Amino acid sequence: MKAVKQISALTLSCLFILSGCSTLNTASTQSTVEQKSVVRSTLDANLMMQHLKEFQRIATENGGNRAVGTDGGQASAQYILDQVKKANHSVQMLPFENREKTIGQNIIVEIAGESKESAIIVGTHYDSVKMGPGINDNASGVALVLELMNTYATQKIKPKHTLYLAFWDSEEVGIAGSQAFVKQLSDEKLKAIQAYINVDMVGTKNPEILIADADKSSVVEMEKMLKERGMQEADYKPLLDSLKTVPSHSGDLALENTLKAFFQAKNLKIKEDVSTLTASDTAPFLGKVPVASIILFNEQLKGNELEFAPCYHKACDTLEQIDPNSLSLAGEAVLHLLKTLDK
């Protein structure tokens, strides 16, 4: 996750074939896909941990990071592509240039649905900051989406809506990958997207569960809290006003309610949040398509520095920071959302 300051006539199979991209069909043969959309309710945490071990190895062998444009970043992209090939899926590679003039590469996997006129995107960024290996932020999200991909492959599941799994590059530098992608989409293509689901930092130990706050009720609660603490309105009003202007979509609330019901059924506390929506790959989609976000935080104040999770954006963001139970919970939440959207 990027740091935030405190205070047509085209079918969906062609939807994301953009200029300047290359398409690789990794399937050597066409496998028969069952006409069903029932998927298991959990992802294998052990398999997700295996992916994380590989990303840790990649960072260790490449200067301690997996940042955009670096050898570690390119090796991370190749690992994802190798996993896609094993799963027998088609993949698109979409290059772009970020604000630092570094070339990044988005990786888009397509899982054909029963409908070619509607789509769901599950996205996660695979780059790290230059200061560390980024195993929680955000190899954890990548591991989850890779196992989601493998679930559809091994169970030969055909979803109702065409499913796109997006591995974004350069989130840590200007949220550039997802912005470049959305910028290329016409209004018609955006209307075909039923939901964008963002997965970020889902391996956090002892997590606080953050979900996208569609109705901005958290802003009202924040204002109440700041007043009770005696803060002057002039000090907090600019922050609250900026949060109130974060774009929203009429479909956001249904996704929020689905996630709230899921976590509440497990007797888990959640935090509805607006500010993080502009600090990750949800940002370019806001107000354009229905958006959901799953982030696991464990905020800690270290002096004057607020860490969203232990070792956030540091060299110690390694495999030791990951809780397999958190990965499993986040995976179950994503599967629940997809199952609900497929009804």
Protein backbone atom coordinates (compact mmCIF):
# COMPACT_ATOMS: atom_id res chain seq x y z
CA MET A 1 0.00 0.00 0.00
CA LYS A 2 1.17 3.46 -0.87
CA ALA A 3 1.89 5.60 2.16
CA VAL A 4 -0.71 8.22 3.00
CA LYS A 5 -0.26 11.48 4.86
CA GLN A 6 -1.89 11.61 8.19
CA ILE A 7 -4.10 14.30 8.91
CA SER A 8 -19.58 -0.90 -27.10
CA ALA A 9 -19.94 -3.36 -29.36
CA LEU A 10 -16.85 -4.99 -27.95
CA THR A 11 -17.28 -8.22 -26.05
CA LEU A 12 -15.71 -8.69 -22.65
CA SER A 13 -13.20 -11.11 -24.08
CA CYS A 14 -11.73 -8.05 -25.84
CA LEU A 15 -12.41 -5.64 -23.01
CA PHE A 16 -8.87 -5.20 -21.80
CA ILE A 17 -6.94 -5.78 -25.02
CA LEU A 18 -5.41 -2.32 -25.13
CA SER A 19 -2.94 -0.72 -27.48
CA GLY A 20 0.66 -1.43 -26.57
CA CYS A 21 -0.10 -4.66 -24.76
CA SER A 22 0.93 -8.17 -25.57
CA THR A 23 -1.26 -11.19 -25.09
CA LEU A 24 0.09 -14.61 -24.25
CA ASN A 25 -2.13 -17.67 -24.36
CA THR A 26 -0.41 -19.95 -21.90
CA ALA A 27 -2.84 -22.78 -22.56
CA SER A 28 -1.30 -25.41 -24.80
CA THR A 29 -4.64 -27.12 -25.19
CA GLN A 30 -8.19 -26.01 -24.57
CA SER A 31 -9.39 -27.68 -21.40
CA THR A 32 -13.06 -28.35 -20.85
CA VAL A 33 -14.55 -26.02 -18.28
CA GLU A 34 -17.55 -27.11 -16.32
CA GLN A 35 -20.58 -24.86 -16.63
CA LYS A 36 -20.82 -24.02 -12.96
CA SER A 37 -19.89 -21.16 -10.70
CA VAL A 38 -19.64 -22.95 -7.35
CA VAL A 39 -16.18 -22.52 -5.87
CA ARG A 40 -14.83 -23.79 -2.57
CA SER A 41 -15.14 -21.40 0.36
CA THR A 42 -11.48 -21.27 1.42
CA LEU A 43 -8.02 -20.91 -0.08
CA ASP A 44 -5.08 -23.02 1.09
CA ALA A 45 -2.92 -20.94 3.42
CA ASN A 46 0.00 -23.35 3.06
CA LEU A 47 0.07 -22.81 -0.68
CA MET A 48 -0.12 -19.06 -0.20
CA MET A 49 2.84 -19.28 2.17
CA GLN A 50 4.80 -21.16 -0.50
CA HIS A 51 4.31 -18.25 -2.87
CA LEU A 52 5.51 -15.86 -0.17
CA LYS A 53 8.67 -17.92 0.35
CA GLU A 54 9.40 -17.50 -3.34
CA PHE A 55 8.87 -13.74 -3.22
CA GLN A 56 11.16 -13.59 -0.17
CA ARG A 57 13.80 -15.52 -2.13
CA ILE A 58 13.41 -13.17 -5.10
CA ALA A 59 13.93 -10.10 -2.90
CA THR A 60 16.92 -11.63 -1.12
CA GLU A 61 18.60 -12.46 -4.43
CA ASN A 62 17.91 -9.01 -5.89
CA GLY A 63 19.11 -6.36 -3.49
CA GLY A 64 16.47 -6.88 -0.81
CA ASN A 65 13.46 -5.49 -2.69
CA ARG A 66 11.00 -6.10 -5.55
CA ALA A 67 10.38 -2.49 -6.57
CA VAL A 68 9.07 -1.42 -9.97
CA GLY A 69 11.72 -1.51 -12.69
CA THR A 70 14.28 -3.38 -10.57
CA ASP A 71 15.60 -6.89 -11.09
CA GLY A 72 13.50 -7.97 -8.12
CA GLY A 73 10.39 -6.43 -9.63
CA GLN A 74 11.00 -8.11 -12.98
CA ALA A 75 11.68 -11.45 -11.31
CA SER A 76 8.41 -11.08 -9.39
CA ALA A 77 6.56 -10.50 -12.67
CA GLN A 78 8.20 -13.58 -14.18
CA TYR A 79 7.18 -15.68 -11.18
CA ILE A 80 3.56 -14.59 -11.62
CA LEU A 81 3.71 -15.40 -15.34
CA ASP A 82 5.16 -18.84 -14.58
CA GLN A 83 2.27 -19.54 -12.20
CA VAL A 84 -0.25 -18.42 -14.84
CA LYS A 85 1.33 -20.80 -17.35
CA LYS A 86 1.03 -23.69 -14.91
CA ALA A 87 -2.64 -22.83 -14.40
CA ASN A 88 -3.21 -22.88 -18.17
CA HIS A 89 -4.71 -19.39 -18.40
CA SER A 90 -4.39 -16.60 -20.94
CA VAL A 91 -2.54 -13.50 -19.78
CA GLN A 92 -2.01 -9.96 -21.01
CA MET A 93 1.05 -7.88 -20.21
CA LEU A 94 0.42 -4.14 -20.25
CA PRO A 95 3.50 -1.88 -20.03
CA PHE A 96 3.30 1.74 -18.86
CA GLU A 97 5.56 4.53 -17.65
CA ASN A 98 5.25 5.98 -14.15
CA ARG A 99 6.00 9.50 -12.95
CA GLU A 100 9.68 8.62 -12.45
CA LYS A 101 9.89 7.52 -16.11
CA THR A 102 10.29 3.90 -15.00
CA ILE A 103 8.62 1.25 -17.13
CA GLY A 104 6.28 -0.99 -15.19
CA GLN A 105 4.18 -3.89 -16.32
CA ASN A 106 0.65 -4.88 -15.34
CA ILE A 107 -0.30 -8.53 -15.67
CA ILE A 108 -3.94 -9.33 -16.42
CA VAL A 109 -5.26 -12.90 -16.27
CA GLU A 110 -8.63 -13.72 -17.82
CA ILE A 111 -10.95 -16.46 -16.58
CA ALA A 112 -13.77 -16.65 -19.11
CA GLY A 113 -17.26 -16.43 -17.66
CA GLU A 114 -20.65 -17.51 -18.88
CA SER A 115 -21.24 -13.87 -19.79
CA LYS A 116 -18.96 -11.93 -22.10
CA GLU A 117 -20.86 -8.74 -21.39
CA SER A 118 -19.96 -8.36 -17.71
CA ALA A 119 -16.77 -8.58 -15.71
CA ILE A 120 -15.35 -8.60 -12.21
CA ILE A 121 -11.78 -7.54 -11.47
CA VAL A 122 -9.79 -8.72 -8.45
CA GLY A 123 -6.62 -6.66 -8.18
CA THR A 124 -3.45 -6.63 -6.10
CA HIS A 125 -0.10 -4.88 -6.53
CA TYR A 126 3.07 -6.93 -6.79
CA ASP A 127 5.74 -4.25 -6.42
CA SER A 128 7.42 -3.42 -3.14
CA VAL A 129 9.06 -0.25 -1.91
CA LYS A 130 12.83 0.00 -2.42
CA MET A 131 13.39 -0.15 1.34
CA GLY A 132 12.32 -3.76 1.74
CA PRO A 133 11.03 -7.04 0.28
CA GLY A 134 7.35 -6.16 0.74
CA ILE A 135 6.17 -9.59 1.82
CA ASN A 136 3.08 -8.35 3.63
CA ASP A 137 2.86 -5.21 1.46
CA ASN A 138 1.99 -6.71 -0.89
CA ALA A 139 3.26 -10.16 -1.79
CA SER A 140 0.53 -11.36 0.58
CA GLY A 141 -2.16 -10.03 -1.76
CA VAL A 142 -0.39 -11.55 -4.77
CA ALA A 143 -0.20 -14.96 -3.07
CA LEU A 144 -3.93 -14.82 -2.37
CA VAL A 145 -4.86 -13.90 -5.95
CA LEU A 146 -2.53 -16.58 -7.35
CA GLU A 147 -4.29 -19.21 -5.26
CA LEU A 148 -7.65 -17.82 -6.33
CA MET A 149 -6.48 -18.32 -9.91
CA ASN A 150 -5.36 -21.87 -9.16
CA THR A 151 -8.70 -22.68 -7.55
CA TYR A 152 -10.57 -21.79 -10.71
CA ALA A 153 -8.06 -23.79 -12.77
CA THR A 154 -8.02 -26.97 -10.71
CA GLN A 155 -11.76 -27.07 -10.12
CA LYS A 156 -12.48 -26.16 -13.77
CA ILE A 157 -14.96 -23.53 -12.67
CA LYS A 158 -16.63 -21.12 -15.06
CA PRO A 159 -17.91 -18.02 -13.24
CA LYS A 160 -21.06 -16.16 -14.21
CA HIS A 161 -19.13 -12.99 -15.04
CA THR A 162 -15.78 -13.02 -16.81
CA LEU A 163 -13.17 -12.72 -14.07
CA TYR A 164 -10.01 -10.68 -14.50
CA LEU A 165 -7.16 -11.08 -12.03
CA ALA A 166 -4.98 -7.96 -12.14
CA PHE A 167 -1.43 -7.86 -10.80
CA TRP A 168 -0.55 -4.17 -10.70
CA ASP A 169 2.95 -2.74 -10.88
CA SER A 170 4.14 0.59 -9.42
CA GLU A 171 1.46 0.98 -6.77
CA GLU A 172 4.19 2.19 -4.45
CA VAL A 173 5.16 4.89 -6.96
CA GLY A 174 2.07 6.93 -7.74
CA ILE A 175 -0.44 4.05 -7.95
CA ALA A 176 0.67 4.15 -11.56
CA GLY A 177 -0.20 0.68 -12.86
CA SER A 178 -3.88 0.64 -12.04
CA GLN A 179 -4.21 4.31 -13.08
CA ALA A 180 -2.72 3.55 -16.50
CA PHE A 181 -5.13 0.64 -16.89
CA VAL A 182 -8.28 2.54 -15.96
CA LYS A 183 -7.28 5.50 -18.11
CA GLN A 184 -7.54 3.28 -21.20
CA LEU A 185 -11.09 2.12 -20.47
CA SER A 186 -14.05 3.74 -22.20
CA ASP A 187 -17.29 4.53 -20.37
CA GLU A 188 -18.84 1.51 -22.06
CA LYS A 189 -16.12 -0.79 -20.76
CA LEU A 190 -16.35 0.65 -17.26
CA LYS A 191 -20.11 0.03 -17.21
CA ALA A 192 -19.49 -3.65 -17.90
CA ILE A 193 -17.45 -4.02 -14.69
CA GLN A 194 -19.67 -5.34 -11.89
CA ALA A 195 -17.05 -4.83 -9.18
CA TYR A 196 -13.41 -4.08 -8.52
CA ILE A 197 -12.09 -5.93 -5.45
CA ASN A 198 -8.72 -4.78 -4.08
CA VAL A 199 -6.52 -7.03 -1.95
CA ASP A 200 -3.68 -5.43 0.01
CA MET A 201 -1.63 -6.33 3.10
CA VAL A 202 -3.67 -9.43 3.99
CA GLY A 203 -0.98 -11.31 5.93
CA THR A 204 -0.91 -8.98 8.96
CA LYS A 205 -0.70 -10.55 12.42
CA ASN A 206 -3.40 -9.61 14.96
CA PRO A 207 -5.17 -7.57 12.32
CA GLU A 208 -7.81 -4.91 12.34
CA ILE A 209 -10.05 -5.53 9.34
CA LEU A 210 -10.56 -2.51 7.10
CA ILE A 211 -13.29 -2.44 4.47
CA ALA A 212 -14.31 0.32 2.07
CA ASP A 213 -16.82 2.70 3.65
CA ALA A 214 -19.32 3.30 0.87
CA ASP A 215 -21.73 5.55 2.73
CA LYS A 216 -18.93 7.45 4.52
CA SER A 217 -20.47 6.77 7.91
CA SER A 218 -16.93 6.56 9.30
CA VAL A 219 -16.43 10.25 8.52
CA VAL A 220 -19.37 11.12 10.77
CA GLU A 221 -17.93 8.92 13.51
CA MET A 222 -14.52 10.54 13.11
CA GLU A 223 -16.01 14.00 13.45
CA LYS A 224 -17.83 12.95 16.62
CA MET A 225 -14.62 11.49 18.07
CA LEU A 226 -12.55 14.59 17.29
CA LYS A 227 -15.16 16.87 18.86
CA GLU A 228 -15.22 14.73 22.00
CA ARG A 229 -11.44 15.00 22.20
CA GLY A 230 -11.71 18.79 22.17
CA MET A 231 -10.18 19.42 18.77
CA GLN A 232 -11.14 22.68 17.17
CA GLU A 233 -13.30 22.45 14.05
CA ALA A 234 -10.84 24.53 12.07
CA ASP A 235 -8.18 21.87 12.69
CA TYR A 236 -10.15 18.84 11.52
CA LYS A 237 -12.62 20.27 9.01
CA PRO A 238 -10.20 20.27 6.01
CA LEU A 239 -9.49 16.56 6.56
CA LEU A 240 -13.15 15.61 6.90
CA ASP A 241 -14.14 17.73 3.90
CA SER A 242 -11.53 15.94 1.77
CA LEU A 243 -12.83 12.52 2.87
CA LYS A 244 -16.39 13.50 2.05
CA THR A 245 -15.36 14.28 -1.52
CA VAL A 246 -13.84 10.83 -2.19
CA PRO A 247 -15.81 9.58 -5.23
CA SER A 248 -18.32 6.78 -4.72
CA HIS A 249 -20.51 4.55 -6.90
CA SER A 250 -24.10 3.47 -6.33
CA GLY A 251 -22.94 -0.16 -6.22
CA ASP A 252 -20.37 0.36 -3.45
CA LEU A 253 -22.81 -0.02 -0.57
CA ALA A 254 -23.97 -3.51 -1.54
CA LEU A 255 -20.35 -4.70 -1.55
CA GLU A 256 -19.71 -3.06 1.82
CA ASN A 257 -22.78 -4.70 3.34
CA THR A 258 -21.77 -8.10 1.97
CA LEU A 259 -18.36 -7.85 3.62
CA LYS A 260 -19.80 -6.49 6.87
CA ALA A 261 -22.23 -9.41 7.10
CA PHE A 262 -19.44 -11.89 6.36
CA PHE A 263 -17.13 -10.65 9.11
CA GLN A 264 -19.93 -10.04 11.61
CA ALA A 265 -21.10 -13.64 11.15
CA LYS A 266 -17.64 -14.63 12.40
CA ASN A 267 -17.94 -12.23 15.37
CA LEU A 268 -15.04 -10.19 14.01
CA LYS A 269 -14.77 -6.45 14.42
CA ILE A 270 -14.32 -4.35 11.33
CA LYS A 271 -13.34 -0.78 10.64
CA GLU A 272 -15.07 1.10 7.84
CA ASP A 273 -12.52 3.35 6.20
CA VAL A 274 -12.41 6.00 3.49
CA SER A 275 -8.86 7.38 3.65
CA THR A 276 -7.11 4.20 2.49
CA LEU A 277 -9.26 4.08 -0.65
CA THR A 278 -7.15 6.83 -2.19
CA ALA A 279 -3.87 5.21 -1.08
CA SER A 280 -4.05 1.94 -3.00
CA ASP A 281 -5.26 0.56 -6.32
CA THR A 282 -8.88 1.30 -5.49
CA ALA A 283 -8.18 4.97 -6.22
CA PRO A 284 -8.49 4.97 -10.04
CA PHE A 285 -11.73 2.95 -9.90
CA LEU A 286 -13.52 5.14 -7.35
CA GLY A 287 -16.84 6.50 -8.62
CA LYS A 288 -16.45 4.64 -11.91
CA VAL A 289 -17.30 1.07 -10.86
CA PRO A 290 -18.48 -0.58 -7.62
CA VAL A 291 -15.44 -0.95 -5.36
CA ALA A 292 -14.61 -3.21 -2.42
CA SER A 293 -11.37 -3.36 -0.49
CA ILE A 294 -9.92 -5.89 1.94
CA ILE A 295 -6.98 -4.63 3.99
CA LEU A 296 -5.65 -6.00 7.28
CA PHE A 297 -3.95 -3.38 9.45
CA ASN A 298 -2.31 -3.44 12.84
CA GLU A 299 -1.56 0.22 13.40
CA GLN A 300 1.29 1.08 15.73
CA LEU A 301 2.62 4.51 16.65
CA LYS A 302 6.43 4.43 16.74
CA GLY A 303 7.48 7.87 17.98
CA ASN A 304 6.00 10.26 15.44
CA GLU A 305 5.65 7.53 12.84
CA LEU A 306 2.42 5.62 12.30
CA GLU A 307 2.95 2.12 10.91
CA PHE A 308 -0.09 0.55 9.25
CA ALA A 309 1.37 -2.85 10.21
CA PRO A 310 4.61 -4.03 11.85
CA CYS A 311 7.61 -3.34 9.60
CA TYR A 312 5.48 -1.39 7.12
CA HIS A 313 7.71 -0.20 4.24
CA LYS A 314 10.83 -1.49 5.99
CA ALA A 315 13.49 -4.13 5.41
CA CYS A 316 11.90 -6.27 8.12
CA ASP A 317 8.67 -6.74 6.10
CA THR A 318 9.63 -10.39 5.66
CA LEU A 319 7.99 -13.79 5.90
CA GLU A 320 8.20 -13.57 9.70
CA GLN A 321 5.52 -10.87 9.67
CA ILE A 322 2.91 -13.13 8.04
CA ASP A 323 0.06 -14.93 9.79
CA PRO A 324 -1.35 -17.78 7.66
CA ASN A 325 -4.66 -17.41 9.48
CA SER A 326 -4.96 -13.85 8.19
CA LEU A 327 -4.30 -15.04 4.65
CA SER A 328 -6.98 -17.68 5.04
CA LEU A 329 -9.52 -15.20 6.41
CA ALA A 330 -8.91 -12.72 3.59
CA GLY A 331 -9.15 -15.49 1.01
CA GLU A 332 -12.46 -16.62 2.42
CA ALA A 333 -13.76 -13.04 2.28
CA VAL A 334 -12.79 -12.66 -1.39
CA LEU A 335 -14.42 -15.98 -2.29
CA HIS A 336 -17.57 -14.95 -0.41
CA LEU A 337 -17.76 -11.70 -2.37
CA LEU A 338 -17.30 -13.49 -5.68
CA LYS A 339 -19.93 -16.07 -4.79
CA THR A 340 -22.38 -13.30 -3.91
CA LEU A 341 -21.67 -11.42 -7.14
CA ASP A 342 -22.17 -14.59 -9.16
CA LYS A 343 -25.76 -15.06 -7.96
